Amino acid sequence: MIKQDMMEKMILDFPAQFAQGYKAGQEAGKEYVGVKIENIIICGMGGSALPGSVLEMSATEIGLQIPVRIHRNYGLPKEATNRDLVVVISYSGNTEEAFSSYKEAREKEIPLVAITTGGPLQKMGEENNTSVVLIPDGLPPRLAIGAQYSALAAVLENSGVIGPQEKNFEELARTLDAKKHSQFAESLAENLKEFTPLIYSSQKYKNLAYILKIQLNETSKKHAFCNYFPELNHNEMVGFETDGNFAVLILRAEDDDPKIKRRMELTASILKEKGVGVEFLDIQGEKVYDRIFNTVIFGNWLSYYTAVKNGVDPIPVEIIEKFKNLL
């Protein structure tokens, strides 16, 4: 049975996540005020790494002046030092790679915060007297980006890395329309259901393309791939010389470089001549948070309707759970 009502409610409730995550993170990270932090390392896998992707995209606008690194692997980057802030994110609290990152940060006495809904990661943090942010559970991690990111922002604010974010999240919760994109997404899903999606964007928004890819992978149970301009014009587009069952989605933003926009238009023209379906998806919003989370909500609807039209349950990721059980 497809849990349509449950999934739709999760998407519609998305704007409420910002207050939940931000409130959950109110105390974490304060112990690092006054510590000179030179880098932020976000450790996470799958949907739990996506808050790091959002942070990378929004860094300039929120006043983050130190580098961000997303670590999707065991342990820590070899160059990690006690001048870094490590934030381990595991929505389930039961991710093998996250445990490895947490343990190495503890062993090296690197500033450390964990964000989770509970599980062994919570227990590990409490036993080691490390800050643990407990966010609400009950969602697939890919649908909990709002709560995970706002919790992360609270940690960074508390540690003195960025300024206050509460007003930004209040405005987001007030202005985001979670229903807005559903009709277009449903229409596009009808055209997408029999094809493998390729999501293209400018380099500036490559993280958004990646988020959309993950949503289609996990919710729609489809292969989906992403790349960015101008790099794809030097290699990937050659693949269209041969037949392929692809549909191309091009994320386009008003603040993309005019040269990149021209490449997008020319690429779309060439692909259409070859019979490839191309759809431009205009990234909407004046501020970076608006652009990011409008696209996230659209991706939630698109992947949901694609699942429904293909007759698959959008919520579970059974093959991933099976794999974890084999580890």
Protein backbone atom coordinates (compact mmCIF):
# COMPACT_ATOMS: atom_id res chain seq x y z
CA MET A 1 0.00 0.00 0.00
CA ILE A 2 1.34 3.43 -0.94
CA LYS A 3 1.29 5.69 2.11
CA GLN A 4 0.18 8.74 0.15
CA ASP A 5 -1.55 10.63 2.95
CA MET A 6 1.42 10.18 5.28
CA MET A 7 3.95 11.40 2.71
CA GLU A 8 1.84 14.38 1.69
CA LYS A 9 1.54 15.44 5.33
CA MET A 10 5.31 15.23 5.75
CA ILE A 11 5.82 17.54 2.79
CA LEU A 12 3.12 20.00 3.82
CA ASP A 13 4.51 20.17 7.37
CA PHE A 14 8.03 20.93 6.13
CA PRO A 15 8.07 24.67 7.07
CA ALA A 16 7.43 23.78 10.73
CA GLN A 17 10.75 21.94 10.88
CA PHE A 18 12.82 25.12 11.15
CA ALA A 19 11.46 26.12 14.55
CA GLN A 20 11.73 22.52 15.79
CA GLY A 21 15.36 22.07 14.81
CA TYR A 22 16.45 25.54 15.91
CA LYS A 23 14.83 25.09 19.33
CA ALA A 24 16.42 21.66 19.75
CA GLY A 25 19.88 23.12 19.15
CA GLN A 26 19.62 26.04 21.58
CA GLU A 27 22.20 24.80 24.09
CA ALA A 28 24.63 22.82 21.96
CA GLY A 29 27.95 24.35 20.98
CA LYS A 30 28.07 27.05 23.65
CA GLU A 31 31.08 25.33 25.21
CA TYR A 32 33.11 26.38 22.16
CA VAL A 33 32.49 30.12 22.43
CA GLY A 34 35.93 31.73 22.51
CA VAL A 35 37.58 28.72 20.87
CA LYS A 36 39.26 29.75 17.60
CA ILE A 37 37.51 27.52 15.07
CA GLU A 38 39.15 27.54 11.65
CA ASN A 39 37.07 24.95 9.78
CA ILE A 40 33.72 23.20 10.05
CA ILE A 41 33.56 19.51 9.22
CA ILE A 42 30.09 18.05 8.67
CA CYS A 43 30.11 14.25 8.95
CA GLY A 44 27.06 12.46 7.61
CA MET A 45 25.71 10.07 5.01
CA GLY A 46 22.75 10.24 2.65
CA GLY A 47 20.01 12.60 3.79
CA SER A 48 21.93 13.40 6.97
CA ALA A 49 24.73 15.01 4.95
CA LEU A 50 22.35 17.35 3.14
CA PRO A 51 22.39 20.03 5.90
CA GLY A 52 26.07 20.40 5.05
CA SER A 53 25.15 20.94 1.40
CA VAL A 54 22.71 23.67 2.45
CA LEU A 55 25.38 25.28 4.64
CA GLU A 56 27.84 25.39 1.74
CA MET A 57 25.31 27.16 -0.47
CA SER A 58 24.18 29.66 2.16
CA ALA A 59 27.57 30.41 3.76
CA THR A 60 28.13 33.85 2.24
CA GLU A 61 24.63 35.15 2.91
CA ILE A 62 24.59 34.04 6.56
CA GLY A 63 28.04 35.49 7.23
CA LEU A 64 30.01 32.25 7.61
CA GLN A 65 33.65 33.19 7.06
CA ILE A 66 35.43 29.88 7.56
CA PRO A 67 35.56 26.86 5.23
CA VAL A 68 33.00 24.05 5.34
CA ARG A 69 33.89 20.48 4.48
CA ILE A 70 31.35 17.68 4.07
CA HIS A 71 32.80 14.30 5.00
CA ARG A 72 30.83 11.36 3.60
CA ASN A 73 33.06 8.56 4.81
CA TYR A 74 34.45 6.74 7.84
CA GLY A 75 36.64 8.60 10.30
CA LEU A 76 37.68 12.19 9.62
CA PRO A 77 39.66 13.95 6.89
CA LYS A 78 43.35 13.33 7.56
CA GLU A 79 43.97 17.07 7.96
CA ALA A 80 41.39 17.47 10.77
CA THR A 81 42.79 19.21 13.86
CA ASN A 82 41.59 20.55 17.21
CA ARG A 83 41.06 23.92 15.51
CA ASP A 84 38.07 22.43 13.66
CA LEU A 85 34.47 21.99 14.76
CA VAL A 86 33.15 18.53 13.88
CA VAL A 87 29.38 18.13 13.63
CA VAL A 88 28.30 14.50 13.26
CA ILE A 89 24.78 14.17 11.86
CA SER A 90 22.90 10.87 11.83
CA TYR A 91 19.14 11.20 11.78
CA SER A 92 18.63 7.60 12.86
CA GLY A 93 21.52 7.67 15.31
CA ASN A 94 22.52 4.31 13.91
CA THR A 95 24.93 5.03 11.05
CA GLU A 96 28.21 3.13 11.02
CA GLU A 97 30.22 5.86 9.31
CA ALA A 98 28.92 8.48 11.75
CA PHE A 99 30.05 6.37 14.72
CA SER A 100 33.51 6.17 13.19
CA SER A 101 33.68 9.95 12.71
CA TYR A 102 32.43 10.59 16.24
CA LYS A 103 34.97 8.22 17.81
CA GLU A 104 37.90 9.70 15.92
CA ALA A 105 36.92 13.24 16.87
CA ARG A 106 36.71 12.16 20.52
CA GLU A 107 40.09 10.42 20.37
CA LYS A 108 41.74 13.49 18.84
CA GLU A 109 39.97 15.86 21.27
CA ILE A 110 38.46 17.88 18.44
CA PRO A 111 35.46 20.12 19.27
CA LEU A 112 32.44 17.93 18.62
CA VAL A 113 28.63 18.08 18.48
CA ALA A 114 26.20 15.34 17.39
CA ILE A 115 22.77 15.87 15.82
CA THR A 116 20.37 12.91 15.87
CA THR A 117 16.92 11.67 16.86
CA GLY A 118 18.36 9.19 19.35
CA GLY A 119 19.78 5.69 19.04
CA PRO A 120 23.35 4.63 19.79
CA LEU A 121 24.77 8.02 18.75
CA GLN A 122 22.76 9.75 21.47
CA LYS A 123 23.94 7.19 24.01
CA MET A 124 27.54 7.59 22.90
CA GLY A 125 27.33 11.37 23.24
CA GLU A 126 25.76 11.27 26.67
CA GLU A 127 28.29 8.73 27.96
CA ASN A 128 31.14 10.96 26.75
CA ASN A 129 29.57 14.20 27.98
CA THR A 130 29.44 15.57 24.43
CA SER A 131 26.75 17.98 23.22
CA VAL A 132 23.92 16.07 21.53
CA VAL A 133 21.08 17.84 19.72
CA LEU A 134 17.92 15.73 19.74
CA ILE A 135 15.62 16.63 16.85
CA PRO A 136 12.11 15.22 16.25
CA ASP A 137 11.96 11.75 14.72
CA GLY A 138 9.40 10.05 12.49
CA LEU A 139 10.63 11.25 9.09
CA PRO A 140 12.88 9.79 6.41
CA PRO A 141 16.18 11.71 6.73
CA ARG A 142 15.81 13.21 3.25
CA LEU A 143 12.54 14.82 4.34
CA ALA A 144 14.06 16.21 7.54
CA ILE A 145 16.53 18.65 5.96
CA GLY A 146 14.77 21.62 7.56
CA ALA A 147 15.08 20.33 11.11
CA GLN A 148 18.60 19.02 10.64
CA TYR A 149 19.84 22.23 9.03
CA SER A 150 18.24 24.61 11.54
CA ALA A 151 19.72 22.52 14.37
CA LEU A 152 23.12 22.79 12.69
CA ALA A 153 22.70 26.56 12.31
CA ALA A 154 21.84 26.84 16.01
CA VAL A 155 25.04 24.97 16.91
CA LEU A 156 27.12 27.29 14.73
CA GLU A 157 25.40 30.34 16.20
CA ASN A 158 25.98 29.11 19.76
CA SER A 159 29.66 28.50 19.07
CA GLY A 160 30.09 32.03 17.72
CA VAL A 161 30.75 31.02 14.12
CA ILE A 162 27.69 32.80 12.66
CA GLY A 163 25.24 35.43 13.86
CA PRO A 164 21.64 34.91 15.06
CA GLN A 165 19.46 32.90 12.68
CA GLU A 166 16.11 32.87 14.48
CA LYS A 167 14.55 35.64 12.39
CA ASN A 168 15.65 33.93 9.17
CA PHE A 169 13.90 30.72 10.19
CA GLU A 170 10.79 32.54 11.39
CA GLU A 171 10.55 34.26 8.01
CA LEU A 172 11.06 30.97 6.18
CA ALA A 173 8.32 29.25 8.14
CA ARG A 174 6.00 32.16 7.42
CA THR A 175 6.69 32.59 3.70
CA LEU A 176 7.38 29.09 2.36
CA ASP A 177 4.29 27.68 0.66
CA ALA A 178 4.63 23.90 0.86
CA LYS A 179 1.66 23.34 -1.46
CA LYS A 180 2.79 25.81 -4.11
CA HIS A 181 4.80 23.47 -6.32
CA SER A 182 2.67 20.33 -6.09
CA GLN A 183 0.62 20.82 -9.26
CA PHE A 184 3.59 21.45 -11.55
CA ALA A 185 5.52 18.62 -9.88
CA GLU A 186 2.67 16.19 -10.50
CA SER A 187 2.51 17.19 -14.17
CA LEU A 188 6.27 16.83 -14.59
CA ALA A 189 6.26 13.46 -12.82
CA GLU A 190 3.92 12.10 -15.49
CA ASN A 191 6.55 12.91 -18.13
CA LEU A 192 9.40 11.67 -15.97
CA LYS A 193 8.15 8.30 -14.78
CA GLU A 194 9.53 6.22 -17.67
CA PHE A 195 12.87 8.00 -17.99
CA THR A 196 16.14 8.25 -16.07
CA PRO A 197 16.44 11.86 -14.82
CA LEU A 198 19.63 13.85 -15.36
CA ILE A 199 19.68 17.00 -13.22
CA TYR A 200 21.92 19.82 -14.41
CA SER A 201 22.69 23.17 -12.77
CA SER A 202 25.34 25.84 -12.52
CA GLN A 203 28.31 25.01 -10.31
CA LYS A 204 26.88 27.47 -7.79
CA TYR A 205 23.78 25.32 -7.35
CA LYS A 206 25.29 21.86 -7.83
CA ASN A 207 24.33 20.94 -4.26
CA LEU A 208 20.67 21.57 -5.10
CA ALA A 209 20.97 19.29 -8.12
CA TYR A 210 22.46 16.65 -5.83
CA ILE A 211 19.62 17.02 -3.33
CA LEU A 212 17.09 16.52 -6.12
CA LYS A 213 19.01 13.43 -7.26
CA ILE A 214 18.84 11.93 -3.77
CA GLN A 215 15.11 12.65 -3.51
CA LEU A 216 14.46 10.83 -6.80
CA ASN A 217 16.73 7.93 -5.81
CA GLU A 218 15.16 7.29 -2.43
CA THR A 219 11.56 8.42 -2.79
CA SER A 220 10.94 7.48 -6.44
CA LYS A 221 13.22 4.42 -6.37
CA LYS A 222 14.83 5.60 -9.61
CA HIS A 223 18.34 5.98 -10.89
CA ALA A 224 19.05 9.71 -11.20
CA PHE A 225 22.28 11.55 -11.87
CA CYS A 226 23.52 15.13 -11.66
CA ASN A 227 26.21 17.34 -13.15
CA TYR A 228 26.89 21.04 -13.61
CA PHE A 229 27.76 23.65 -16.22
CA PRO A 230 30.19 24.34 -17.78
CA GLU A 231 31.97 21.05 -17.01
CA LEU A 232 29.28 18.82 -18.51
CA ASN A 233 29.73 20.57 -21.88
CA HIS A 234 33.24 19.15 -22.02
CA ASN A 235 32.38 15.49 -21.48
CA GLU A 236 28.95 14.26 -20.40
CA MET A 237 26.97 15.73 -23.27
CA VAL A 238 28.87 13.48 -25.70
CA GLY A 239 26.87 10.60 -24.25
CA PHE A 240 23.79 11.93 -26.02
CA GLU A 241 25.35 10.93 -29.34
CA THR A 242 23.99 7.45 -28.65
CA ASP A 243 20.50 6.43 -27.64
CA GLY A 244 19.51 6.75 -24.01
CA ASN A 245 16.27 6.77 -22.07
CA PHE A 246 16.94 10.09 -20.34
CA ALA A 247 15.00 13.17 -19.33
CA VAL A 248 17.01 16.30 -18.51
CA LEU A 249 16.03 18.76 -15.78
CA ILE A 250 17.98 22.03 -15.79
CA LEU A 251 17.95 24.06 -12.58
CA ARG A 252 18.23 27.71 -13.54
CA ALA A 253 18.58 30.68 -11.18
CA GLU A 254 18.30 34.40 -11.79
CA ASP A 255 21.73 34.94 -10.25
CA ASP A 256 23.46 32.40 -12.49
CA ASP A 257 26.23 33.85 -14.66
CA PRO A 258 24.90 35.00 -18.07
CA LYS A 259 27.53 32.83 -19.79
CA ILE A 260 26.22 29.80 -17.90
CA LYS A 261 22.63 30.66 -18.81
CA ARG A 262 23.64 30.76 -22.48
CA ARG A 263 25.26 27.34 -22.14
CA MET A 264 22.06 26.02 -20.60
CA GLU A 265 19.97 27.32 -23.51
CA LEU A 266 22.34 25.98 -26.17
CA THR A 267 22.60 22.60 -24.46
CA ALA A 268 18.82 22.33 -24.23
CA SER A 269 18.50 23.18 -27.91
CA ILE A 270 20.99 20.51 -28.97
CA LEU A 271 19.41 17.86 -26.76
CA LYS A 272 15.92 18.61 -28.03
CA GLU A 273 17.19 18.18 -31.60
CA LYS A 274 18.29 14.70 -30.55
CA GLY A 275 14.85 13.92 -29.16
CA VAL A 276 15.78 14.27 -25.49
CA GLY A 277 13.13 15.79 -23.23
CA VAL A 278 14.39 18.91 -21.45
CA GLU A 279 12.62 20.88 -18.73
CA PHE A 280 13.90 24.09 -17.15
CA LEU A 281 13.23 24.40 -13.43
CA ASP A 282 13.55 28.02 -12.35
CA ILE A 283 14.90 28.36 -8.82
CA GLN A 284 12.58 30.76 -7.01
CA GLY A 285 13.28 33.19 -4.19
CA GLU A 286 15.06 36.46 -3.47
CA LYS A 287 17.18 35.14 -0.59
CA VAL A 288 19.40 32.08 -0.60
CA TYR A 289 17.28 30.23 1.98
CA ASP A 290 14.19 30.83 -0.17
CA ARG A 291 15.93 29.50 -3.27
CA ILE A 292 17.23 26.44 -1.48
CA PHE A 293 14.12 25.39 0.37
CA ASN A 294 11.65 26.19 -2.42
CA THR A 295 13.67 23.76 -4.53
CA VAL A 296 13.80 21.18 -1.73
CA ILE A 297 10.01 21.28 -1.40
CA PHE A 298 9.59 21.02 -5.17
CA GLY A 299 11.92 18.00 -5.17
CA ASN A 300 9.88 16.39 -2.42
CA TRP A 301 6.71 16.74 -4.49
CA LEU A 302 8.36 15.65 -7.74
CA SER A 303 9.90 12.52 -6.25
CA TYR A 304 6.67 11.71 -4.41
CA TYR A 305 4.45 11.97 -7.48
CA THR A 306 6.97 10.02 -9.57
CA ALA A 307 6.77 7.22 -7.00
CA VAL A 308 2.97 7.29 -7.00
CA LYS A 309 2.77 7.19 -10.80
CA ASN A 310 5.15 4.22 -10.87
CA GLY A 311 3.18 2.41 -8.18
CA VAL A 312 5.91 2.30 -5.54
CA ASP A 313 5.79 3.21 -1.85
CA PRO A 314 7.64 6.53 -1.50
CA ILE A 315 8.65 6.19 2.14
CA PRO A 316 10.77 3.06 2.82
CA VAL A 317 14.24 2.39 1.41
CA GLU A 318 14.25 -1.37 1.87
CA ILE A 319 17.37 -2.16 -0.14
CA ILE A 320 19.42 0.26 2.00
CA GLU A 321 18.11 -1.30 5.21
CA LYS A 322 18.90 -4.77 3.87
CA PHE A 323 22.44 -3.67 3.09
CA LYS A 324 22.93 -2.17 6.56
CA ASN A 325 21.81 -5.42 8.14
CA LEU A 326 24.51 -7.28 6.21
CA LEU A 327 27.32 -5.06 7.54
